[in-house]
Amino acid sequence: MIGPVMIDIEGLELTGQDCELLRHPLVGGLIFFARNYRDRVQLEELVAAIREVRPEILLAVDQEGGRVQRFRNEFTRLPSMQALCGRADSGQLQDVGWLLAAELLAVGLDFSFAPVLDADDHRSRVIGDRSFCADPRRLAEQVRPFMRGMREAGMATTGKHFPGHGHVIEDSHEELPEDGRPLQEIMATDAQPFIDCIEAGELDAIMPAHIRFVQVDRRPVGFSPVWLQQALRGQLGFSGVIFSDDLSMGGAAIAGGYADRIRAALEAGCDMGVVCNCRAGVIEILETLDGYSPRRESSERLKIMRGRPVIQSWRELKSCERWHKTRDWLASWM
């Protein structure tokens, strides 16, 4: 069984406490940050050490490009998705999606929390150029080739932040944004890229936003069975994985303490709760959930997030013509 909690670690190598937490049966995933990366060899050694403690754990990172790229030196420098879409045709979008995924898979990670499906409404402080474009009706045609590239490399896709974060000004890392639009308007605009990608069968996982849509539910999306079970699973027919957004974010605090947050997320319909940058919160969650039995259907869904790399190593990647060609094209204009 894959446990329902994703945690992080502090540094470049495992501590005794890290190993203890990784062995906890409810821990099913680990997310990397820039603080965990010095160079590629160090990262590969860290991945191997983690796998030695928990071979089956899911390893993830936020590696979108632009502002959000945790691994930089030795990895290909990636543009923001908005900049990329201003220059790339569909084939180049597919190549860059493939490259992003192939590099992470080659060092032993399973997936990146990508792509961003939020449409940039020229309002949000946190989305901006992370978005593929401003028009939600056109976003899927830009993002789907990128997703095909990721999947071609052997990586599952994760669309975020359902049903869309681009319309609100506030940054949910710091506070809980509110949106007063009715459900019908949201589904016809911001949610359209998610709907298009679900219908195309190319979206393996979704991460909901820490936003409260007050005309739909007083609970934020990631804690709302109205959004996750009725709208996403029921109305849209999504059968993939649902990850919570980081439960340490300011937008999640409305649910209470960390134990309250993970319970609210899992009861609403999340398959895995992500807890970053707060070791005390992780410990509180694991102590509170002691004796909790992971849902078998969630564990089965989470298996699709395992990396299935076509290219098995960095050495093999460096001999790949497509990798060199895509890197050269990016370097020619960045």
C-alpha atoms as a PDB file:
ATOM      1  CA  MET A   1       0.000   0.000   0.000  1.00  0.00           C
ATOM      2  CA  ILE A   2       1.182   3.531  -0.784  1.00  0.00           C
ATOM      3  CA  GLY A   3       0.650   5.785   2.223  1.00  0.00           C
ATOM      4  CA  PRO A   4      -1.367   9.033   1.947  1.00  0.00           C
ATOM      5  CA  VAL A   5       1.270  11.512   3.190  1.00  0.00           C
ATOM      6  CA  MET A   6       4.040  13.218   1.176  1.00  0.00           C
ATOM      7  CA  ILE A   7       6.833  14.800   3.219  1.00  0.00           C
ATOM      8  CA  ASP A   8      10.119  16.602   2.597  1.00  0.00           C
ATOM      9  CA  ILE A   9      13.639  16.533   4.044  1.00  0.00           C
ATOM     10  CA  GLU A  10      15.896  19.336   5.205  1.00  0.00           C
ATOM     11  CA  GLY A  11      19.215  18.933   3.449  1.00  0.00           C
ATOM     12  CA  LEU A  12      21.552  17.270   0.987  1.00  0.00           C
ATOM     13  CA  GLU A  13      21.614  13.903   2.738  1.00  0.00           C
ATOM     14  CA  LEU A  14      19.365  11.910   5.034  1.00  0.00           C
ATOM     15  CA  THR A  15      19.375  12.389   8.797  1.00  0.00           C
ATOM     16  CA  GLY A  16      18.377   9.778  11.331  1.00  0.00           C
ATOM     17  CA  GLN A  17      15.006  11.479  11.802  1.00  0.00           C
ATOM     18  CA  ASP A  18      14.471  11.574   8.030  1.00  0.00           C
ATOM     19  CA  CYS A  19      15.002   7.811   7.874  1.00  0.00           C
ATOM     20  CA  GLU A  20      12.629   7.242  10.782  1.00  0.00           C
ATOM     21  CA  LEU A  21       9.890   9.262   9.105  1.00  0.00           C
ATOM     22  CA  LEU A  22      10.459   7.640   5.710  1.00  0.00           C
ATOM     23  CA  ARG A  23       9.891   4.233   7.299  1.00  0.00           C
ATOM     24  CA  HIS A  24       6.490   5.268   8.620  1.00  0.00           C
ATOM     25  CA  PRO A  25       3.843   3.236   6.753  1.00  0.00           C
ATOM     26  CA  LEU A  26       1.655   6.303   6.116  1.00  0.00           C
ATOM     27  CA  VAL A  27       4.456   8.118   4.294  1.00  0.00           C
ATOM     28  CA  GLY A  28       4.042   7.363   0.617  1.00  0.00           C
ATOM     29  CA  GLY A  29       5.859  10.238  -1.064  1.00  0.00           C
ATOM     30  CA  LEU A  30       8.718  12.714  -0.770  1.00  0.00           C
ATOM     31  CA  ILE A  31       9.059  16.085  -2.488  1.00  0.00           C
ATOM     32  CA  PHE A  32      12.443  17.668  -3.255  1.00  0.00           C
ATOM     33  CA  PHE A  33      13.373  21.338  -3.036  1.00  0.00           C
ATOM     34  CA  ALA A  34      16.368  23.391  -4.154  1.00  0.00           C
ATOM     35  CA  ARG A  35      17.892  22.938  -0.698  1.00  0.00           C
ATOM     36  CA  ASN A  36      18.175  19.198  -1.432  1.00  0.00           C
ATOM     37  CA  TYR A  37      20.263  19.753  -4.565  1.00  0.00           C
ATOM     38  CA  ARG A  38      23.951  20.572  -4.969  1.00  0.00           C
ATOM     39  CA  ASP A  39      24.777  18.699  -8.162  1.00  0.00           C
ATOM     40  CA  ARG A  40      23.548  15.740 -10.143  1.00  0.00           C
ATOM     41  CA  VAL A  41      25.815  13.121  -8.540  1.00  0.00           C
ATOM     42  CA  GLN A  42      24.790  14.236  -5.040  1.00  0.00           C
ATOM     43  CA  LEU A  43      21.127  14.041  -6.054  1.00  0.00           C
ATOM     44  CA  GLU A  44      21.524  10.537  -7.467  1.00  0.00           C
ATOM     45  CA  GLU A  45      23.220   9.457  -4.228  1.00  0.00           C
ATOM     46  CA  LEU A  46      20.405  10.990  -2.164  1.00  0.00           C
ATOM     47  CA  VAL A  47      17.763   9.244  -4.291  1.00  0.00           C
ATOM     48  CA  ALA A  48      19.593   5.937  -3.849  1.00  0.00           C
ATOM     49  CA  ALA A  49      19.738   6.448  -0.074  1.00  0.00           C
ATOM     50  CA  ILE A  50      16.015   7.196   0.064  1.00  0.00           C
ATOM     51  CA  ARG A  51      15.214   4.147  -2.062  1.00  0.00           C
ATOM     52  CA  GLU A  52      17.316   2.009   0.256  1.00  0.00           C
ATOM     53  CA  VAL A  53      15.099   3.073   3.174  1.00  0.00           C
ATOM     54  CA  ARG A  54      11.791   2.960   1.232  1.00  0.00           C
ATOM     55  CA  PRO A  55      12.150   1.399  -2.224  1.00  0.00           C
ATOM     56  CA  GLU A  56       8.500   1.959  -3.171  1.00  0.00           C
ATOM     57  CA  ILE A  57       8.210   5.638  -2.183  1.00  0.00           C
ATOM     58  CA  LEU A  58       7.076   8.174  -4.808  1.00  0.00           C
ATOM     59  CA  LEU A  59       9.681  10.902  -5.443  1.00  0.00           C
ATOM     60  CA  ALA A  60       8.460  14.253  -6.741  1.00  0.00           C
ATOM     61  CA  VAL A  61       9.589  17.816  -7.375  1.00  0.00           C
ATOM     62  CA  ASP A  62       8.195  21.104  -8.644  1.00  0.00           C
ATOM     63  CA  GLN A  63      10.174  21.418 -11.883  1.00  0.00           C
ATOM     64  CA  GLU A  64       8.019  23.599 -14.127  1.00  0.00           C
ATOM     65  CA  GLY A  65      10.573  25.918 -15.725  1.00  0.00           C
ATOM     66  CA  GLY A  66      11.069  29.638 -15.308  1.00  0.00           C
ATOM     67  CA  ARG A  67      10.706  30.751 -11.691  1.00  0.00           C
ATOM     68  CA  VAL A  68       9.857  27.256 -10.502  1.00  0.00           C
ATOM     69  CA  GLN A  69      12.830  25.008 -11.221  1.00  0.00           C
ATOM     70  CA  ARG A  70      14.349  23.331  -8.161  1.00  0.00           C
ATOM     71  CA  PHE A  71      17.242  21.619  -9.967  1.00  0.00           C
ATOM     72  CA  ARG A  72      19.284  24.038 -12.083  1.00  0.00           C
ATOM     73  CA  ASN A  73      23.014  23.520 -12.613  1.00  0.00           C
ATOM     74  CA  GLU A  74      23.634  20.454 -14.820  1.00  0.00           C
ATOM     75  CA  PHE A  75      19.920  20.278 -15.623  1.00  0.00           C
ATOM     76  CA  THR A  76      18.681  22.119 -18.698  1.00  0.00           C
ATOM     77  CA  ARG A  77      17.649  25.699 -17.981  1.00  0.00           C
ATOM     78  CA  LEU A  78      13.960  25.882 -18.851  1.00  0.00           C
ATOM     79  CA  PRO A  79      12.012  29.032 -19.742  1.00  0.00           C
ATOM     80  CA  SER A  80       8.703  29.981 -18.221  1.00  0.00           C
ATOM     81  CA  MET A  81       5.851  28.243 -19.987  1.00  0.00           C
ATOM     82  CA  GLN A  82       4.466  31.583 -21.178  1.00  0.00           C
ATOM     83  CA  ALA A  83       7.805  32.455 -22.789  1.00  0.00           C
ATOM     84  CA  LEU A  84       8.047  28.973 -24.284  1.00  0.00           C
ATOM     85  CA  CYS A  85       4.595  29.186 -25.839  1.00  0.00           C
ATOM     86  CA  GLY A  86       5.535  32.495 -27.448  1.00  0.00           C
ATOM     87  CA  ARG A  87       8.198  30.740 -29.515  1.00  0.00           C
ATOM     88  CA  ALA A  88       7.456  27.028 -29.738  1.00  0.00           C
ATOM     89  CA  ASP A  89       5.367  25.084 -32.193  1.00  0.00           C
ATOM     90  CA  SER A  90       3.594  21.922 -31.053  1.00  0.00           C
ATOM     91  CA  GLY A  91       6.591  19.722 -31.854  1.00  0.00           C
ATOM     92  CA  GLN A  92       8.924  21.908 -29.813  1.00  0.00           C
ATOM     93  CA  LEU A  93       6.448  21.975 -26.918  1.00  0.00           C
ATOM     94  CA  GLN A  94       6.411  18.182 -26.987  1.00  0.00           C
ATOM     95  CA  ASP A  95      10.214  18.060 -27.055  1.00  0.00           C
ATOM     96  CA  VAL A  96      10.537  20.357 -24.029  1.00  0.00           C
ATOM     97  CA  GLY A  97       7.964  18.339 -22.081  1.00  0.00           C
ATOM     98  CA  TRP A  98       9.917  15.212 -22.975  1.00  0.00           C
ATOM     99  CA  LEU A  99      13.220  16.802 -21.915  1.00  0.00           C
ATOM    100  CA  LEU A 100      11.883  17.986 -18.553  1.00  0.00           C
ATOM    101  CA  ALA A 101      10.580  14.514 -17.774  1.00  0.00           C
ATOM    102  CA  ALA A 102      13.536  12.574 -19.184  1.00  0.00           C
ATOM    103  CA  GLU A 103      16.053  14.487 -17.061  1.00  0.00           C
ATOM    104  CA  LEU A 104      14.155  13.885 -13.811  1.00  0.00           C
ATOM    105  CA  LEU A 105      13.527  10.229 -14.600  1.00  0.00           C
ATOM    106  CA  ALA A 106      17.204   9.725 -15.446  1.00  0.00           C
ATOM    107  CA  VAL A 107      18.224  10.651 -11.883  1.00  0.00           C
ATOM    108  CA  GLY A 108      15.587   8.423 -10.285  1.00  0.00           C
ATOM    109  CA  LEU A 109      12.629  10.709  -9.590  1.00  0.00           C
ATOM    110  CA  ASP A 110       9.101   9.647 -10.482  1.00  0.00           C
ATOM    111  CA  PHE A 111       7.344  12.876 -11.455  1.00  0.00           C
ATOM    112  CA  SER A 112       7.158  16.645 -11.433  1.00  0.00           C
ATOM    113  CA  PHE A 113       4.054  18.474 -10.272  1.00  0.00           C
ATOM    114  CA  ALA A 114       3.469  19.821 -13.770  1.00  0.00           C
ATOM    115  CA  PRO A 115       2.011  21.277 -15.869  1.00  0.00           C
ATOM    116  CA  VAL A 116       0.292  24.420 -14.599  1.00  0.00           C
ATOM    117  CA  LEU A 117      -3.199  24.559 -16.149  1.00  0.00           C
ATOM    118  CA  ASP A 118      -4.098  27.940 -14.660  1.00  0.00           C
ATOM    119  CA  ALA A 119      -4.872  30.612 -17.244  1.00  0.00           C
ATOM    120  CA  ASP A 120      -2.979  33.853 -16.606  1.00  0.00           C
ATOM    121  CA  ASP A 121      -5.684  36.453 -16.040  1.00  0.00           C
ATOM    122  CA  HIS A 122      -3.084  39.232 -15.507  1.00  0.00           C
ATOM    123  CA  ARG A 123      -4.270  39.410 -11.894  1.00  0.00           C
ATOM    124  CA  SER A 124      -2.659  36.619  -9.894  1.00  0.00           C
ATOM    125  CA  ARG A 125       0.506  37.371  -7.918  1.00  0.00           C
ATOM    126  CA  VAL A 126       1.549  33.707  -7.935  1.00  0.00           C
ATOM    127  CA  ILE A 127       0.693  32.391 -11.441  1.00  0.00           C
ATOM    128  CA  GLY A 128       1.729  34.942 -14.062  1.00  0.00           C
ATOM    129  CA  ASP A 129       4.214  33.522 -16.558  1.00  0.00           C
ATOM    130  CA  ARG A 130       3.924  30.022 -15.059  1.00  0.00           C
ATOM    131  CA  SER A 131       0.773  29.790 -17.182  1.00  0.00           C
ATOM    132  CA  PHE A 132       0.901  28.521 -20.758  1.00  0.00           C
ATOM    133  CA  CYS A 133      -1.401  31.328 -21.920  1.00  0.00           C
ATOM    134  CA  ALA A 134      -4.074  33.796 -20.840  1.00  0.00           C
ATOM    135  CA  ASP A 135      -7.042  32.286 -22.693  1.00  0.00           C
ATOM    136  CA  PRO A 136      -8.454  29.210 -20.901  1.00  0.00           C
ATOM    137  CA  ARG A 137     -10.196  28.154 -24.125  1.00  0.00           C
ATOM    138  CA  ARG A 138      -6.818  27.892 -25.909  1.00  0.00           C
ATOM    139  CA  LEU A 139      -4.663  26.660 -23.058  1.00  0.00           C
ATOM    140  CA  ALA A 140      -5.220  22.958 -23.647  1.00  0.00           C
ATOM    141  CA  GLU A 141      -4.010  23.155 -27.249  1.00  0.00           C
ATOM    142  CA  GLN A 142      -0.726  24.595 -25.920  1.00  0.00           C
ATOM    143  CA  VAL A 143      -0.307  22.261 -22.951  1.00  0.00           C
ATOM    144  CA  ARG A 144      -1.348  18.942 -24.493  1.00  0.00           C
ATOM    145  CA  PRO A 145       1.772  18.560 -26.706  1.00  0.00           C
ATOM    146  CA  PHE A 146       3.909  19.319 -23.621  1.00  0.00           C
ATOM    147  CA  MET A 147       2.044  16.639 -21.666  1.00  0.00           C
ATOM    148  CA  ARG A 148       2.433  14.153 -24.499  1.00  0.00           C
ATOM    149  CA  GLY A 149       6.186  14.715 -24.302  1.00  0.00           C
ATOM    150  CA  MET A 150       6.204  14.072 -20.561  1.00  0.00           C
ATOM    151  CA  ARG A 151       4.259  10.855 -20.973  1.00  0.00           C
ATOM    152  CA  GLU A 152       6.420   9.790 -23.917  1.00  0.00           C
ATOM    153  CA  ALA A 153       9.447   9.974 -21.590  1.00  0.00           C
ATOM    154  CA  GLY A 154       7.625   7.825 -19.027  1.00  0.00           C
ATOM    155  CA  MET A 155       6.300  10.422 -16.590  1.00  0.00           C
ATOM    156  CA  ALA A 156       2.747  10.918 -15.347  1.00  0.00           C
ATOM    157  CA  THR A 157       1.220  14.395 -15.643  1.00  0.00           C
ATOM    158  CA  THR A 158      -0.217  16.507 -12.813  1.00  0.00           C
ATOM    159  CA  GLY A 159      -2.436  19.472 -13.686  1.00  0.00           C
ATOM    160  CA  LYS A 160      -2.646  22.279 -11.157  1.00  0.00           C
ATOM    161  CA  HIS A 161      -4.399  24.182  -9.526  1.00  0.00           C
ATOM    162  CA  PHE A 162      -7.977  22.972 -10.073  1.00  0.00           C
ATOM    163  CA  PRO A 163     -10.330  24.643 -10.998  1.00  0.00           C
ATOM    164  CA  GLY A 164      -7.922  27.505 -11.744  1.00  0.00           C
ATOM    165  CA  HIS A 165      -5.825  29.979  -9.733  1.00  0.00           C
ATOM    166  CA  GLY A 166      -5.249  32.645 -12.363  1.00  0.00           C
ATOM    167  CA  HIS A 167      -8.303  34.818 -11.644  1.00  0.00           C
ATOM    168  CA  VAL A 168      -7.578  35.625  -7.985  1.00  0.00           C
ATOM    169  CA  ILE A 169      -5.038  38.238  -6.931  1.00  0.00           C
ATOM    170  CA  GLU A 170      -3.958  36.764  -3.610  1.00  0.00           C
ATOM    171  CA  ASP A 171      -1.143  34.240  -3.221  1.00  0.00           C
ATOM    172  CA  SER A 172      -2.491  31.140  -1.468  1.00  0.00           C
ATOM    173  CA  HIS A 173       0.975  30.476  -0.037  1.00  0.00           C
ATOM    174  CA  GLU A 174       0.297  33.455   2.219  1.00  0.00           C
ATOM    175  CA  GLU A 175      -3.485  33.736   2.600  1.00  0.00           C
ATOM    176  CA  LEU A 176      -6.793  32.206   1.505  1.00  0.00           C
ATOM    177  CA  PRO A 177      -8.027  33.806  -1.730  1.00  0.00           C
ATOM    178  CA  GLU A 178     -11.768  34.098  -2.321  1.00  0.00           C
ATOM    179  CA  ASP A 179     -13.647  34.126  -5.618  1.00  0.00           C
ATOM    180  CA  GLY A 180     -17.294  35.159  -5.817  1.00  0.00           C
ATOM    181  CA  ARG A 181     -18.175  33.781  -9.250  1.00  0.00           C
ATOM    182  CA  PRO A 182     -20.852  31.075  -9.667  1.00  0.00           C
ATOM    183  CA  LEU A 183     -19.959  27.495 -10.532  1.00  0.00           C
ATOM    184  CA  GLN A 184     -21.271  27.725 -14.092  1.00  0.00           C
ATOM    185  CA  GLU A 185     -18.971  30.658 -14.892  1.00  0.00           C
ATOM    186  CA  ILE A 186     -15.929  28.990 -13.329  1.00  0.00           C
ATOM    187  CA  MET A 187     -16.483  25.754 -15.232  1.00  0.00           C
ATOM    188  CA  ALA A 188     -16.905  27.657 -18.503  1.00  0.00           C
ATOM    189  CA  THR A 189     -13.695  29.663 -18.041  1.00  0.00           C
ATOM    190  CA  ASP A 190     -10.910  28.770 -15.578  1.00  0.00           C
ATOM    191  CA  ALA A 191     -11.760  25.065 -15.402  1.00  0.00           C
ATOM    192  CA  GLN A 192     -11.852  24.613 -19.172  1.00  0.00           C
ATOM    193  CA  PRO A 193      -8.191  23.504 -19.535  1.00  0.00           C
ATOM    194  CA  PHE A 194      -8.756  20.806 -16.904  1.00  0.00           C
ATOM    195  CA  ILE A 195     -11.951  19.686 -18.649  1.00  0.00           C
ATOM    196  CA  ASP A 196     -10.217  19.541 -22.039  1.00  0.00           C
ATOM    197  CA  CYS A 197      -7.252  17.542 -20.716  1.00  0.00           C
ATOM    198  CA  ILE A 198      -9.492  15.134 -18.783  1.00  0.00           C
ATOM    199  CA  GLU A 199     -11.589  14.518 -21.882  1.00  0.00           C
ATOM    200  CA  ALA A 200      -8.403  13.884 -23.883  1.00  0.00           C
ATOM    201  CA  GLY A 201      -7.333  11.234 -21.356  1.00  0.00           C
ATOM    202  CA  GLU A 202      -3.908  12.850 -20.897  1.00  0.00           C
ATOM    203  CA  LEU A 203      -4.155  14.006 -17.273  1.00  0.00           C
ATOM    204  CA  ASP A 204      -2.962  11.481 -14.690  1.00  0.00           C
ATOM    205  CA  ALA A 205      -3.282  13.604 -11.555  1.00  0.00           C
ATOM    206  CA  ILE A 206      -4.740  16.889 -10.370  1.00  0.00           C
ATOM    207  CA  MET A 207      -3.788  19.258  -7.556  1.00  0.00           C
ATOM    208  CA  PRO A 208      -6.631  21.473  -6.296  1.00  0.00           C
ATOM    209  CA  ALA A 209      -6.173  25.114  -5.326  1.00  0.00           C
ATOM    210  CA  HIS A 210      -6.330  26.543  -1.823  1.00  0.00           C
ATOM    211  CA  ILE A 211      -9.082  28.940  -2.933  1.00  0.00           C
ATOM    212  CA  ARG A 212     -12.574  29.416  -1.531  1.00  0.00           C
ATOM    213  CA  PHE A 213     -15.257  29.867  -4.193  1.00  0.00           C
ATOM    214  CA  VAL A 214     -17.905  31.271  -1.899  1.00  0.00           C
ATOM    215  CA  GLN A 215     -20.902  30.652  -4.189  1.00  0.00           C
ATOM    216  CA  VAL A 216     -19.967  26.970  -4.521  1.00  0.00           C
ATOM    217  CA  ASP A 217     -18.735  25.910  -1.065  1.00  0.00           C
ATOM    218  CA  ARG A 218     -17.419  27.760   1.984  1.00  0.00           C
ATOM    219  CA  ARG A 219     -14.578  25.238   2.173  1.00  0.00           C
ATOM    220  CA  PRO A 220     -11.456  25.717   0.028  1.00  0.00           C
ATOM    221  CA  VAL A 221     -11.334  23.436  -3.011  1.00  0.00           C
ATOM    222  CA  GLY A 222      -8.768  21.022  -1.545  1.00  0.00           C
ATOM    223  CA  PHE A 223     -10.991  20.429   1.507  1.00  0.00           C
ATOM    224  CA  SER A 224     -14.280  20.343  -0.371  1.00  0.00           C
ATOM    225  CA  PRO A 225     -16.155  17.156  -1.319  1.00  0.00           C
ATOM    226  CA  VAL A 226     -18.400  19.401  -3.404  1.00  0.00           C
ATOM    227  CA  TRP A 227     -15.437  20.234  -5.626  1.00  0.00           C
ATOM    228  CA  LEU A 228     -13.475  16.994  -5.476  1.00  0.00           C
ATOM    229  CA  GLN A 229     -16.199  14.357  -5.362  1.00  0.00           C
ATOM    230  CA  GLN A 230     -19.208  16.013  -6.992  1.00  0.00           C
ATOM    231  CA  ALA A 231     -17.551  18.285  -9.577  1.00  0.00           C
ATOM    232  CA  LEU A 232     -14.192  16.623 -10.354  1.00  0.00           C
ATOM    233  CA  ARG A 233     -15.007  12.929  -9.915  1.00  0.00           C
ATOM    234  CA  GLY A 234     -18.744  13.113 -10.635  1.00  0.00           C
ATOM    235  CA  GLN A 235     -19.411  15.832 -13.184  1.00  0.00           C
ATOM    236  CA  LEU A 236     -16.061  15.671 -15.009  1.00  0.00           C
ATOM    237  CA  GLY A 237     -15.486  11.925 -14.607  1.00  0.00           C
ATOM    238  CA  PHE A 238     -11.874  12.283 -13.469  1.00  0.00           C
ATOM    239  CA  SER A 239     -10.519   8.932 -12.258  1.00  0.00           C
ATOM    240  CA  GLY A 240      -6.862   9.828 -11.656  1.00  0.00           C
ATOM    241  CA  VAL A 241      -4.928  10.871  -8.565  1.00  0.00           C
ATOM    242  CA  ILE A 242      -5.837  13.913  -6.471  1.00  0.00           C
ATOM    243  CA  PHE A 243      -2.960  15.484  -4.519  1.00  0.00           C
ATOM    244  CA  SER A 244      -3.567  18.212  -1.980  1.00  0.00           C
ATOM    245  CA  ASP A 245      -1.568  21.377  -2.441  1.00  0.00           C
ATOM    246  CA  ASP A 246       0.956  21.982   0.326  1.00  0.00           C
ATOM    247  CA  LEU A 247      -0.884  21.824   3.648  1.00  0.00           C
ATOM    248  CA  SER A 248       1.580  24.235   5.248  1.00  0.00           C
ATOM    249  CA  MET A 249       0.424  27.090   2.998  1.00  0.00           C
ATOM    250  CA  GLY A 250      -1.447  30.041   4.431  1.00  0.00           C
ATOM    251  CA  GLY A 251      -4.497  29.160   2.355  1.00  0.00           C
ATOM    252  CA  ALA A 252      -4.782  25.806   4.156  1.00  0.00           C
ATOM    253  CA  ALA A 253      -4.764  27.222   7.691  1.00  0.00           C
ATOM    254  CA  ILE A 254      -8.538  27.716   7.711  1.00  0.00           C
ATOM    255  CA  ALA A 255      -8.923  23.956   8.272  1.00  0.00           C
ATOM    256  CA  GLY A 256      -7.124  24.166  11.633  1.00  0.00           C
ATOM    257  CA  GLY A 257      -3.947  22.424  12.771  1.00  0.00           C
ATOM    258  CA  TYR A 258      -1.963  20.039  10.631  1.00  0.00           C
ATOM    259  CA  ALA A 259      -3.894  16.988  11.767  1.00  0.00           C
ATOM    260  CA  ASP A 260      -7.163  18.764  10.915  1.00  0.00           C
ATOM    261  CA  ARG A 261      -5.809  19.749   7.508  1.00  0.00           C
ATOM    262  CA  ILE A 262      -4.773  16.243   6.456  1.00  0.00           C
ATOM    263  CA  ARG A 263      -8.057  14.760   7.674  1.00  0.00           C
ATOM    264  CA  ALA A 264     -10.048  17.415   5.820  1.00  0.00           C
ATOM    265  CA  ALA A 265      -8.070  16.799   2.620  1.00  0.00           C
ATOM    266  CA  LEU A 266      -8.400  13.010   2.741  1.00  0.00           C
ATOM    267  CA  GLU A 267     -12.086  13.107   3.695  1.00  0.00           C
ATOM    268  CA  ALA A 268     -12.785  15.546   0.851  1.00  0.00           C
ATOM    269  CA  GLY A 269     -11.302  13.112  -1.659  1.00  0.00           C
ATOM    270  CA  CYS A 270      -7.536  13.698  -1.885  1.00  0.00           C
ATOM    271  CA  ASP A 271      -5.493  10.547  -2.369  1.00  0.00           C
ATOM    272  CA  MET A 272      -2.352  12.067  -0.871  1.00  0.00           C
ATOM    273  CA  GLY A 273      -1.721  15.095   1.333  1.00  0.00           C
ATOM    274  CA  VAL A 274       1.466  17.091   0.697  1.00  0.00           C
ATOM    275  CA  VAL A 275       3.181  18.580   3.770  1.00  0.00           C
ATOM    276  CA  CYS A 276       6.239  20.766   3.146  1.00  0.00           C
ATOM    277  CA  ASN A 277       8.586  22.952   5.168  1.00  0.00           C
ATOM    278  CA  CYS A 278       7.189  22.068   8.590  1.00  0.00           C
ATOM    279  CA  ARG A 279       8.686  19.018  10.273  1.00  0.00           C
ATOM    280  CA  ALA A 280       6.566  19.587  13.386  1.00  0.00           C
ATOM    281  CA  GLY A 281       3.465  19.473  11.195  1.00  0.00           C
ATOM    282  CA  VAL A 282       4.567  16.178   9.645  1.00  0.00           C
ATOM    283  CA  ILE A 283       5.110  14.649  13.081  1.00  0.00           C
ATOM    284  CA  GLU A 284       1.715  15.908  14.280  1.00  0.00           C
ATOM    285  CA  ILE A 285       0.021  14.357  11.247  1.00  0.00           C
ATOM    286  CA  LEU A 286       1.713  10.971  11.587  1.00  0.00           C
ATOM    287  CA  GLU A 287       1.005  10.793  15.326  1.00  0.00           C
ATOM    288  CA  THR A 288      -2.638  11.757  14.833  1.00  0.00           C
ATOM    289  CA  LEU A 289      -3.177   9.318  11.950  1.00  0.00           C
ATOM    290  CA  ASP A 290      -1.617   6.432  13.860  1.00  0.00           C
ATOM    291  CA  GLY A 291      -3.802   3.431  13.085  1.00  0.00           C
ATOM    292  CA  TYR A 292      -5.310   5.072   9.987  1.00  0.00           C
ATOM    293  CA  SER A 293      -5.798   2.581   7.150  1.00  0.00           C
ATOM    294  CA  PRO A 294      -4.983   3.996   3.712  1.00  0.00           C
ATOM    295  CA  ARG A 295      -7.775   3.592   1.163  1.00  0.00           C
ATOM    296  CA  ARG A 296      -6.975   0.772  -1.225  1.00  0.00           C
ATOM    297  CA  GLU A 297      -8.444   2.680  -4.179  1.00  0.00           C
ATOM    298  CA  SER A 298      -6.164   5.645  -3.427  1.00  0.00           C
ATOM    299  CA  SER A 299      -3.122   3.402  -3.207  1.00  0.00           C
ATOM    300  CA  GLU A 300      -4.008   1.798  -6.542  1.00  0.00           C
ATOM    301  CA  ARG A 301      -4.441   5.194  -8.183  1.00  0.00           C
ATOM    302  CA  LEU A 302      -1.108   6.428  -6.800  1.00  0.00           C
ATOM    303  CA  LYS A 303       0.723   3.573  -8.535  1.00  0.00           C
ATOM    304  CA  ILE A 304       0.250   5.349 -11.867  1.00  0.00           C
ATOM    305  CA  MET A 305       2.591   8.095 -10.646  1.00  0.00           C
ATOM    306  CA  ARG A 306       5.615   5.765 -10.644  1.00  0.00           C
ATOM    307  CA  GLY A 307       8.185   6.742 -13.223  1.00  0.00           C
ATOM    308  CA  ARG A 308       8.530   4.437 -16.227  1.00  0.00           C
ATOM    309  CA  PRO A 309      11.687   5.856 -17.783  1.00  0.00           C
ATOM    310  CA  VAL A 310      12.413   5.068 -21.393  1.00  0.00           C
ATOM    311  CA  ILE A 311      15.935   6.448 -20.866  1.00  0.00           C
ATOM    312  CA  GLN A 312      17.416   4.828 -17.769  1.00  0.00           C
ATOM    313  CA  SER A 313      20.414   6.999 -16.892  1.00  0.00           C
ATOM    314  CA  TRP A 314      22.044  10.385 -17.397  1.00  0.00           C
ATOM    315  CA  ARG A 315      24.787   8.730 -19.400  1.00  0.00           C
ATOM    316  CA  GLU A 316      22.210   7.313 -21.784  1.00  0.00           C
ATOM    317  CA  LEU A 317      20.456  10.675 -21.918  1.00  0.00           C
ATOM    318  CA  LYS A 318      23.670  12.438 -22.928  1.00  0.00           C
ATOM    319  CA  SER A 319      23.944  10.136 -25.939  1.00  0.00           C
ATOM    320  CA  CYS A 320      20.400  11.011 -27.082  1.00  0.00           C
ATOM    321  CA  GLU A 321      20.219  13.259 -30.140  1.00  0.00           C
ATOM    322  CA  ARG A 322      16.789  14.589 -29.158  1.00  0.00           C
ATOM    323  CA  TRP A 323      18.118  15.811 -25.804  1.00  0.00           C
ATOM    324  CA  HIS A 324      20.997  17.718 -27.437  1.00  0.00           C
ATOM    325  CA  LYS A 325      18.773  19.152 -30.152  1.00  0.00           C
ATOM    326  CA  THR A 326      16.173  20.413 -27.677  1.00  0.00           C
ATOM    327  CA  ARG A 327      18.824  21.889 -25.357  1.00  0.00           C
ATOM    328  CA  ASP A 328      20.469  23.670 -28.279  1.00  0.00           C
ATOM    329  CA  TRP A 329      17.157  25.102 -29.442  1.00  0.00           C
ATOM    330  CA  LEU A 330      16.375  26.431 -25.964  1.00  0.00           C
ATOM    331  CA  ALA A 331      19.854  27.893 -25.542  1.00  0.00           C
ATOM    332  CA  SER A 332      19.561  29.680 -28.913  1.00  0.00           C
ATOM    333  CA  TRP A 333      16.963  32.120 -27.573  1.00  0.00           C
ATOM    334  CA  MET A 334      17.104  32.076 -23.780  1.00  0.00           C
END
